[in-house]
Amino acid sequence: MMRYGDGGVGWGGWIAMVAMMVVFWGAIAWVIVTLIRRPSSGAPGPAERAPSPPLQILDERYARGEIDDEEYQRRRAVLRGDT
């Protein structure tokens, strides 16, 4: 008497193999995208950019309300050299 099939892995095995193939190719795609998006060594990253000019920082502090009018005018005069 012959039985059906030859002792293969069945449906569960095929589903597992397909899932592993998707994971494999997904990992390959993730590595490629990560390498492409990585900034080049010559370009400065976000933390390495030049700081803002002092007057711009002073204006931002004044706009946020960290300093009052008198202190703003005094520091602005010092930075401009209008002492």
Protein backbone atom coordinates (compact mmCIF):
# COMPACT_ATOMS: atom_id res chain seq x y z
CA MET A 1 0.00 0.00 0.00
CA MET A 2 1.35 3.44 -0.95
CA ARG A 3 0.75 6.49 1.07
CA TYR A 4 0.17 9.99 -0.29
CA GLY A 5 3.36 12.10 -0.48
CA ASP A 6 6.89 11.30 0.45
CA GLY A 7 7.13 12.57 4.03
CA GLY A 8 7.61 16.22 3.03
CA VAL A 9 7.29 19.19 5.33
CA GLY A 10 3.62 19.91 4.61
CA TRP A 11 1.83 23.25 4.65
CA GLY A 12 3.33 24.40 7.94
CA GLY A 13 6.84 23.95 6.60
CA TRP A 14 6.07 25.85 3.41
CA ILE A 15 4.59 28.76 5.37
CA ALA A 16 7.67 28.85 7.62
CA MET A 17 9.99 28.83 4.61
CA VAL A 18 8.12 31.68 2.94
CA ALA A 19 8.18 33.69 6.19
CA MET A 20 11.93 33.17 6.56
CA MET A 21 12.51 34.24 2.96
CA VAL A 22 10.53 37.46 3.57
CA VAL A 23 12.56 38.14 6.73
CA PHE A 24 15.82 37.49 4.87
CA TRP A 25 15.05 39.84 1.98
CA GLY A 26 13.64 42.43 4.38
CA ALA A 27 16.91 42.41 6.30
CA ILE A 28 18.90 42.80 3.08
CA ALA A 29 16.72 45.77 2.04
CA TRP A 30 17.09 47.36 5.51
CA VAL A 31 20.90 47.13 5.33
CA ILE A 32 20.96 48.72 1.86
CA VAL A 33 18.64 51.58 2.88
CA THR A 34 20.66 52.20 6.06
CA LEU A 35 23.91 52.39 4.09
CA ILE A 36 22.39 54.77 1.53
CA ARG A 37 20.89 57.10 4.17
CA ARG A 38 24.05 57.24 6.28
CA PRO A 39 25.63 60.69 6.04
CA SER A 40 28.97 60.83 4.32
CA SER A 41 32.04 61.35 6.48
CA GLY A 42 32.70 64.83 5.05
CA ALA A 43 29.30 66.35 5.77
CA PRO A 44 28.64 67.56 9.30
CA GLY A 45 25.84 65.83 11.19
CA PRO A 46 23.05 67.66 13.00
CA ALA A 47 25.08 67.95 16.22
CA GLU A 48 28.18 69.18 14.37
CA ARG A 49 26.65 72.19 12.63
CA ALA A 50 27.98 75.65 13.42
CA PRO A 51 26.33 77.41 16.35
CA SER A 52 23.92 80.26 15.75
CA PRO A 53 25.31 83.78 15.81
CA PRO A 54 25.12 85.43 19.26
CA LEU A 55 22.60 88.06 18.17
CA GLN A 56 20.26 85.39 16.84
CA ILE A 57 20.48 83.49 20.12
CA LEU A 58 19.77 86.70 22.02
CA ASP A 59 16.75 87.43 19.82
CA GLU A 60 15.43 83.90 20.39
CA ARG A 61 15.83 84.20 24.17
CA TYR A 62 13.99 87.52 24.11
CA ALA A 63 11.19 86.06 21.98
CA ARG A 64 10.77 83.15 24.42
CA GLY A 65 10.54 85.62 27.32
CA GLU A 66 13.69 84.44 29.07
CA ILE A 67 15.04 88.00 29.35
CA ASP A 68 13.30 91.35 29.77
CA ASP A 69 13.51 94.49 27.59
CA GLU A 70 16.25 96.16 29.62
CA GLU A 71 18.53 93.12 29.65
CA TYR A 72 17.88 92.52 25.95
CA GLN A 73 18.84 96.10 25.00
CA ARG A 74 21.93 96.01 27.24
CA ARG A 75 23.22 92.70 25.86
CA ARG A 76 22.44 93.71 22.28
CA ALA A 77 24.48 96.89 22.72
CA VAL A 78 27.40 94.88 24.14
CA LEU A 79 27.30 92.38 21.26
CA ARG A 80 27.16 95.14 18.65
CA GLY A 81 29.93 97.08 20.34
CA ASP A 82 27.70 100.11 21.10
CA THR A 83 28.85 100.45 24.73
